[in-house]
C-alpha atoms as a PDB file:
ATOM      1  CA  UNK A   1       0.000   0.000   0.000  1.00  0.00           C
ATOM      2  CA  UNK A   2       1.282   3.452  -0.918  1.00  0.00           C
ATOM      3  CA  UNK A   3       0.315   6.999  -0.009  1.00  0.00           C
ATOM      4  CA  UNK A   4      -0.573   9.625  -2.587  1.00  0.00           C
ATOM      5  CA  UNK A   5      -0.757  13.153  -1.158  1.00  0.00           C
ATOM      6  CA  UNK A   6      -2.148  16.008  -3.230  1.00  0.00           C
ATOM      7  CA  UNK A   7      -1.511  19.549  -1.996  1.00  0.00           C
ATOM      8  CA  UNK A   8      -2.787  22.742  -3.542  1.00  0.00           C
ATOM      9  CA  UNK A   9      -0.159  25.463  -3.219  1.00  0.00           C
ATOM     10  CA  UNK A  10      -0.536  28.057  -0.482  1.00  0.00           C
ATOM     11  CA  UNK A  11      -1.993  31.489  -1.091  1.00  0.00           C
ATOM     12  CA  UNK A  12      -0.196  33.260  -3.945  1.00  0.00           C
ATOM     13  CA  UNK A  13       0.329  36.983  -4.454  1.00  0.00           C
ATOM     14  CA  UNK A  14      -2.495  37.027  -6.996  1.00  0.00           C
ATOM     15  CA  UNK A  15      -4.803  34.830  -4.901  1.00  0.00           C
ATOM     16  CA  UNK A  16      -4.572  37.525  -2.266  1.00  0.00           C
ATOM     17  CA  UNK A  17      -5.629  40.162  -4.802  1.00  0.00           C
ATOM     18  CA  UNK A  18      -8.490  38.121  -6.282  1.00  0.00           C
ATOM     19  CA  UNK A  19      -6.859  37.931  -9.716  1.00  0.00           C
ATOM     20  CA  UNK A  20      -7.104  35.099 -12.265  1.00  0.00           C
ATOM     21  CA  UNK A  21      -3.585  33.680 -12.166  1.00  0.00           C
ATOM     22  CA  UNK A  22      -3.328  30.684 -14.471  1.00  0.00           C
ATOM     23  CA  UNK A  23       0.095  30.406 -16.048  1.00  0.00           C
ATOM     24  CA  UNK A  24       1.441  33.642 -14.550  1.00  0.00           C
ATOM     25  CA  UNK A  25       4.416  32.691 -12.419  1.00  0.00           C
ATOM     26  CA  UNK A  26       3.756  34.492  -9.154  1.00  0.00           C
ATOM     27  CA  UNK A  27       5.104  33.514  -5.749  1.00  0.00           C
ATOM     28  CA  UNK A  28       3.541  32.754  -2.398  1.00  0.00           C
ATOM     29  CA  UNK A  29       2.514  35.359   0.149  1.00  0.00           C
ATOM     30  CA  UNK A  30       3.676  34.997   3.731  1.00  0.00           C
ATOM     31  CA  UNK A  31       0.272  33.521   4.507  1.00  0.00           C
ATOM     32  CA  UNK A  32       0.781  31.098   1.629  1.00  0.00           C
ATOM     33  CA  UNK A  33       4.060  29.922   3.115  1.00  0.00           C
ATOM     34  CA  UNK A  34       2.321  29.407   6.445  1.00  0.00           C
ATOM     35  CA  UNK A  35      -0.400  27.373   4.713  1.00  0.00           C
ATOM     36  CA  UNK A  36       2.293  25.264   3.046  1.00  0.00           C
ATOM     37  CA  UNK A  37       3.984  24.601   6.381  1.00  0.00           C
ATOM     38  CA  UNK A  38       0.647  23.663   7.920  1.00  0.00           C
ATOM     39  CA  UNK A  39       0.090  21.264   5.028  1.00  0.00           C
ATOM     40  CA  UNK A  40       3.468  19.755   5.804  1.00  0.00           C
ATOM     41  CA  UNK A  41       2.517  19.274   9.441  1.00  0.00           C
ATOM     42  CA  UNK A  42      -0.585  17.381   8.301  1.00  0.00           C
ATOM     43  CA  UNK A  43       1.722  14.921   6.538  1.00  0.00           C
ATOM     44  CA  UNK A  44       4.117  14.211   9.403  1.00  0.00           C
ATOM     45  CA  UNK A  45       4.393  10.475   9.805  1.00  0.00           C
ATOM     46  CA  UNK A  46       4.524   9.715   6.081  1.00  0.00           C
ATOM     47  CA  UNK A  47       7.949   9.244   4.535  1.00  0.00           C
ATOM     48  CA  UNK A  48       7.746  10.234   0.875  1.00  0.00           C
ATOM     49  CA  UNK A  49       9.895   8.599  -1.772  1.00  0.00           C
ATOM     50  CA  UNK A  50       9.325  11.088  -4.571  1.00  0.00           C
ATOM     51  CA  UNK A  51       7.470  14.295  -5.418  1.00  0.00           C
ATOM     52  CA  UNK A  52       5.949  15.921  -8.465  1.00  0.00           C
ATOM     53  CA  UNK A  53       5.192  19.571  -9.002  1.00  0.00           C
ATOM     54  CA  UNK A  54       4.400  22.013 -11.784  1.00  0.00           C
ATOM     55  CA  UNK A  55       6.739  24.400 -13.568  1.00  0.00           C
ATOM     56  CA  UNK A  56       5.260  27.317 -11.595  1.00  0.00           C
ATOM     57  CA  UNK A  57       7.098  28.644  -8.570  1.00  0.00           C
ATOM     58  CA  UNK A  58       4.118  28.897  -6.211  1.00  0.00           C
ATOM     59  CA  UNK A  59       3.754  25.101  -6.351  1.00  0.00           C
ATOM     60  CA  UNK A  60       7.514  24.625  -6.048  1.00  0.00           C
ATOM     61  CA  UNK A  61       7.736  27.006  -3.081  1.00  0.00           C
ATOM     62  CA  UNK A  62       4.930  25.067  -1.410  1.00  0.00           C
ATOM     63  CA  UNK A  63       6.846  21.845  -1.923  1.00  0.00           C
ATOM     64  CA  UNK A  64       9.994  23.454  -0.497  1.00  0.00           C
ATOM     65  CA  UNK A  65       8.159  24.455   2.682  1.00  0.00           C
ATOM     66  CA  UNK A  66       6.639  20.994   3.062  1.00  0.00           C
ATOM     67  CA  UNK A  67      10.008  19.305   2.604  1.00  0.00           C
ATOM     68  CA  UNK A  68      11.474  21.443   5.381  1.00  0.00           C
ATOM     69  CA  UNK A  69       8.648  20.573   7.763  1.00  0.00           C
ATOM     70  CA  UNK A  70       8.971  16.866   6.965  1.00  0.00           C
ATOM     71  CA  UNK A  71      12.746  16.948   7.272  1.00  0.00           C
ATOM     72  CA  UNK A  72      13.125  15.705   3.685  1.00  0.00           C
ATOM     73  CA  UNK A  73      14.900  18.603   1.930  1.00  0.00           C
ATOM     74  CA  UNK A  74      16.496  16.269  -0.604  1.00  0.00           C
ATOM     75  CA  UNK A  75      13.237  14.617  -1.708  1.00  0.00           C
ATOM     76  CA  UNK A  76      13.568  13.813  -5.439  1.00  0.00           C
ATOM     77  CA  UNK A  77      11.143  16.043  -7.336  1.00  0.00           C
ATOM     78  CA  UNK A  78       9.966  16.063 -10.943  1.00  0.00           C
ATOM     79  CA  UNK A  79       8.792  19.428 -12.319  1.00  0.00           C
ATOM     80  CA  UNK A  80       6.470  19.219 -15.305  1.00  0.00           C
ATOM     81  CA  UNK A  81       4.146  21.629 -17.114  1.00  0.00           C
ATOM     82  CA  UNK A  82       1.517  18.877 -17.296  1.00  0.00           C
ATOM     83  CA  UNK A  83       0.707  19.805 -13.689  1.00  0.00           C
ATOM     84  CA  UNK A  84       0.479  23.553 -14.346  1.00  0.00           C
ATOM     85  CA  UNK A  85      -2.619  25.524 -13.443  1.00  0.00           C
ATOM     86  CA  UNK A  86      -5.299  26.065 -16.080  1.00  0.00           C
ATOM     87  CA  UNK A  87      -4.536  28.740 -18.662  1.00  0.00           C
ATOM     88  CA  UNK A  88      -7.157  31.442 -18.110  1.00  0.00           C
ATOM     89  CA  UNK A  89      -6.458  33.116 -21.440  1.00  0.00           C
ATOM     90  CA  UNK A  90      -7.952  36.593 -21.710  1.00  0.00           C
ATOM     91  CA  UNK A  91      -9.044  36.507 -18.065  1.00  0.00           C
ATOM     92  CA  UNK A  92      -5.458  36.262 -16.788  1.00  0.00           C
ATOM     93  CA  UNK A  93      -4.607  39.152 -14.501  1.00  0.00           C
ATOM     94  CA  UNK A  94      -8.185  40.380 -14.257  1.00  0.00           C
ATOM     95  CA  UNK A  95     -10.117  40.685 -11.010  1.00  0.00           C
ATOM     96  CA  UNK A  96     -12.466  37.741 -10.514  1.00  0.00           C
ATOM     97  CA  UNK A  97     -15.207  39.731  -8.846  1.00  0.00           C
ATOM     98  CA  UNK A  98     -15.203  42.443 -11.505  1.00  0.00           C
ATOM     99  CA  UNK A  99     -15.545  39.735 -14.158  1.00  0.00           C
ATOM    100  CA  UNK A 100     -18.483  38.329 -12.205  1.00  0.00           C
ATOM    101  CA  UNK A 101     -20.136  41.765 -12.201  1.00  0.00           C
ATOM    102  CA  UNK A 102     -19.449  42.304 -15.895  1.00  0.00           C
ATOM    103  CA  UNK A 103     -20.549  38.919 -17.255  1.00  0.00           C
ATOM    104  CA  UNK A 104     -22.980  37.695 -14.587  1.00  0.00           C
ATOM    105  CA  UNK A 105     -22.794  34.876 -12.096  1.00  0.00           C
ATOM    106  CA  UNK A 106     -23.809  32.106 -14.510  1.00  0.00           C
ATOM    107  CA  UNK A 107     -21.017  32.804 -17.002  1.00  0.00           C
ATOM    108  CA  UNK A 108     -18.582  33.480 -14.182  1.00  0.00           C
ATOM    109  CA  UNK A 109     -19.251  30.060 -12.646  1.00  0.00           C
ATOM    110  CA  UNK A 110     -18.947  28.324 -16.016  1.00  0.00           C
ATOM    111  CA  UNK A 111     -15.515  29.834 -16.530  1.00  0.00           C
ATOM    112  CA  UNK A 112     -14.409  29.277 -12.957  1.00  0.00           C
ATOM    113  CA  UNK A 113     -15.767  25.838 -12.126  1.00  0.00           C
ATOM    114  CA  UNK A 114     -17.258  24.336 -15.296  1.00  0.00           C
ATOM    115  CA  UNK A 115     -16.011  21.232 -17.075  1.00  0.00           C
ATOM    116  CA  UNK A 116     -15.962  22.183 -20.747  1.00  0.00           C
ATOM    117  CA  UNK A 117     -16.244  25.975 -20.858  1.00  0.00           C
ATOM    118  CA  UNK A 118     -12.878  27.614 -21.596  1.00  0.00           C
ATOM    119  CA  UNK A 119     -12.421  31.360 -21.152  1.00  0.00           C
ATOM    120  CA  UNK A 120     -11.495  33.187 -24.363  1.00  0.00           C
ATOM    121  CA  UNK A 121      -8.107  31.912 -25.598  1.00  0.00           C
ATOM    122  CA  UNK A 122      -7.745  29.740 -22.489  1.00  0.00           C
ATOM    123  CA  UNK A 123      -8.236  26.165 -21.291  1.00  0.00           C
ATOM    124  CA  UNK A 124     -11.281  24.403 -19.930  1.00  0.00           C
ATOM    125  CA  UNK A 125     -10.964  21.940 -17.061  1.00  0.00           C
ATOM    126  CA  UNK A 126     -11.479  19.232 -19.690  1.00  0.00           C
ATOM    127  CA  UNK A 127      -8.346  20.509 -21.473  1.00  0.00           C
ATOM    128  CA  UNK A 128      -6.403  20.326 -18.208  1.00  0.00           C
ATOM    129  CA  UNK A 129      -7.688  16.775 -17.642  1.00  0.00           C
ATOM    130  CA  UNK A 130      -6.299  15.695 -21.021  1.00  0.00           C
ATOM    131  CA  UNK A 131      -2.769  16.650 -19.955  1.00  0.00           C
ATOM    132  CA  UNK A 132      -2.871  15.771 -16.249  1.00  0.00           C
ATOM    133  CA  UNK A 133      -4.326  12.260 -16.466  1.00  0.00           C
ATOM    134  CA  UNK A 134      -1.869  10.830 -19.035  1.00  0.00           C
ATOM    135  CA  UNK A 135       0.994  12.273 -16.994  1.00  0.00           C
ATOM    136  CA  UNK A 136      -0.390  10.609 -13.868  1.00  0.00           C
ATOM    137  CA  UNK A 137      -0.830   7.282 -15.635  1.00  0.00           C
ATOM    138  CA  UNK A 138       2.620   7.313 -17.244  1.00  0.00           C
ATOM    139  CA  UNK A 139       4.801   8.898 -14.552  1.00  0.00           C
ATOM    140  CA  UNK A 140       3.089   8.754 -11.152  1.00  0.00           C
ATOM    141  CA  UNK A 141       0.984   5.603 -11.112  1.00  0.00           C
ATOM    142  CA  UNK A 142       3.960   3.254 -11.691  1.00  0.00           C
ATOM    143  CA  UNK A 143       5.623   4.724  -8.604  1.00  0.00           C
ATOM    144  CA  UNK A 144       2.522   4.076  -6.527  1.00  0.00           C
ATOM    145  CA  UNK A 145       2.132   0.548  -7.851  1.00  0.00           C
ATOM    146  CA  UNK A 146       5.697  -0.167  -6.793  1.00  0.00           C
ATOM    147  CA  UNK A 147       4.783   0.843  -3.233  1.00  0.00           C
ATOM    148  CA  UNK A 148       6.399   4.301  -3.220  1.00  0.00           C
ATOM    149  CA  UNK A 149       4.780   7.191  -1.372  1.00  0.00           C
ATOM    150  CA  UNK A 150       4.192  10.161  -3.691  1.00  0.00           C
ATOM    151  CA  UNK A 151       3.597  13.828  -2.934  1.00  0.00           C
ATOM    152  CA  UNK A 152       2.133  16.188  -5.567  1.00  0.00           C
ATOM    153  CA  UNK A 153       2.236  19.955  -5.077  1.00  0.00           C
ATOM    154  CA  UNK A 154       0.139  21.606  -7.764  1.00  0.00           C
ATOM    155  CA  UNK A 155      -2.832  23.863  -8.427  1.00  0.00           C
ATOM    156  CA  UNK A 156      -6.565  24.095  -7.899  1.00  0.00           C
ATOM    157  CA  UNK A 157      -7.508  22.994 -11.398  1.00  0.00           C
ATOM    158  CA  UNK A 158      -4.738  20.509 -12.141  1.00  0.00           C
ATOM    159  CA  UNK A 159      -5.661  18.794  -8.875  1.00  0.00           C
ATOM    160  CA  UNK A 160      -9.410  19.032  -9.571  1.00  0.00           C
ATOM    161  CA  UNK A 161      -8.763  17.261 -12.875  1.00  0.00           C
ATOM    162  CA  UNK A 162      -6.760  14.536 -11.155  1.00  0.00           C
ATOM    163  CA  UNK A 163      -9.305  14.076  -8.364  1.00  0.00           C
ATOM    164  CA  UNK A 164     -12.049  13.802 -11.000  1.00  0.00           C
ATOM    165  CA  UNK A 165     -10.133  10.907 -12.518  1.00  0.00           C
ATOM    166  CA  UNK A 166      -9.194   9.229  -9.235  1.00  0.00           C
ATOM    167  CA  UNK A 167     -12.723   9.385  -7.840  1.00  0.00           C
ATOM    168  CA  UNK A 168     -14.574   9.026 -11.140  1.00  0.00           C
ATOM    169  CA  UNK A 169     -16.549  12.241 -10.568  1.00  0.00           C
ATOM    170  CA  UNK A 170     -19.181  12.845 -13.290  1.00  0.00           C
ATOM    171  CA  UNK A 171     -18.805  15.917 -15.498  1.00  0.00           C
ATOM    172  CA  UNK A 172     -21.941  17.512 -14.081  1.00  0.00           C
ATOM    173  CA  UNK A 173     -20.690  17.161 -10.500  1.00  0.00           C
ATOM    174  CA  UNK A 174     -17.233  18.632 -11.016  1.00  0.00           C
ATOM    175  CA  UNK A 175     -18.338  22.277 -10.435  1.00  0.00           C
ATOM    176  CA  UNK A 176     -19.009  21.259  -6.816  1.00  0.00           C
ATOM    177  CA  UNK A 177     -15.355  20.363  -6.232  1.00  0.00           C
ATOM    178  CA  UNK A 178     -13.191  23.140  -4.885  1.00  0.00           C
ATOM    179  CA  UNK A 179      -9.775  22.627  -3.297  1.00  0.00           C
ATOM    180  CA  UNK A 180      -8.646  25.419  -0.978  1.00  0.00           C
ATOM    181  CA  UNK A 181      -5.112  26.799  -0.849  1.00  0.00           C
ATOM    182  CA  UNK A 182      -3.018  24.634   1.435  1.00  0.00           C
ATOM    183  CA  UNK A 183      -5.580  21.838   1.430  1.00  0.00           C
ATOM    184  CA  UNK A 184      -4.289  18.272   1.494  1.00  0.00           C
ATOM    185  CA  UNK A 185      -5.872  15.125   0.053  1.00  0.00           C
ATOM    186  CA  UNK A 186      -4.287  11.866   1.191  1.00  0.00           C
ATOM    187  CA  UNK A 187      -5.147   8.650  -0.640  1.00  0.00           C
ATOM    188  CA  UNK A 188      -3.999   5.110  -0.035  1.00  0.00           C
ATOM    189  CA  UNK A 189      -3.324   3.199  -3.229  1.00  0.00           C
ATOM    190  CA  UNK A 190      -2.926  -0.570  -3.551  1.00  0.00           C
ATOM    191  CA  UNK A 191      -0.544  -2.489  -5.793  1.00  0.00           C
ATOM    192  CA  UNK A 192      -3.154  -2.499  -8.567  1.00  0.00           C
ATOM    193  CA  UNK A 193      -3.276   1.293  -8.510  1.00  0.00           C
ATOM    194  CA  UNK A 194      -6.746   1.394  -6.974  1.00  0.00           C
ATOM    195  CA  UNK A 195      -7.754   3.936  -4.320  1.00  0.00           C
ATOM    196  CA  UNK A 196      -8.579   2.212  -1.026  1.00  0.00           C
ATOM    197  CA  UNK A 197      -9.038   5.226   1.266  1.00  0.00           C
ATOM    198  CA  UNK A 198      -9.137   9.032   1.244  1.00  0.00           C
ATOM    199  CA  UNK A 199      -8.691  11.726   3.873  1.00  0.00           C
ATOM    200  CA  UNK A 200      -8.951  15.500   3.444  1.00  0.00           C
ATOM    201  CA  UNK A 201      -6.752  17.619   5.692  1.00  0.00           C
ATOM    202  CA  UNK A 202      -7.316  21.383   5.794  1.00  0.00           C
ATOM    203  CA  UNK A 203      -4.825  24.021   6.819  1.00  0.00           C
ATOM    204  CA  UNK A 204      -5.660  25.534  10.178  1.00  0.00           C
END
């Protein structure tokens, strides 16, 4: 049996300002670093064999903080754009709540939480799913099947896509899934790659 821990990065500079971030490479706030350390404390007791993170520094900084808390600063880590946040296209850098006022709540929610509704010149969650899931199957799942404990530090939408796959969440239910900054999902995975248990740990 292996552990698979999914952690959404701590609060970023643009999270704090209510801006659509996507592929913009912004760092963590001080609060975000605290959330990352709290996430690490939730994982004490699990020795990780390997980690995966995106190409964006807010996810990498979160992983760095967690490694320090766990006392595993030399944890092997793979950085890959397959785990990057969703590209918000023309919405990138704009204030979420002003967009909600301008376009209405229905359109706002479709762009923010919908399955197959990309913002102009951006990605839908379905698009993210098509890059995250093959990466998981090819790079991460073999590690889990071999009994290795894996930690993934990534983003709200790359993790939503992965959780959709892991838990077989229907398309129409995916808008209900939201993963908070610093939130931790811990799964146990058997040698066949099947999920046998799940626990959600929230930053305090």
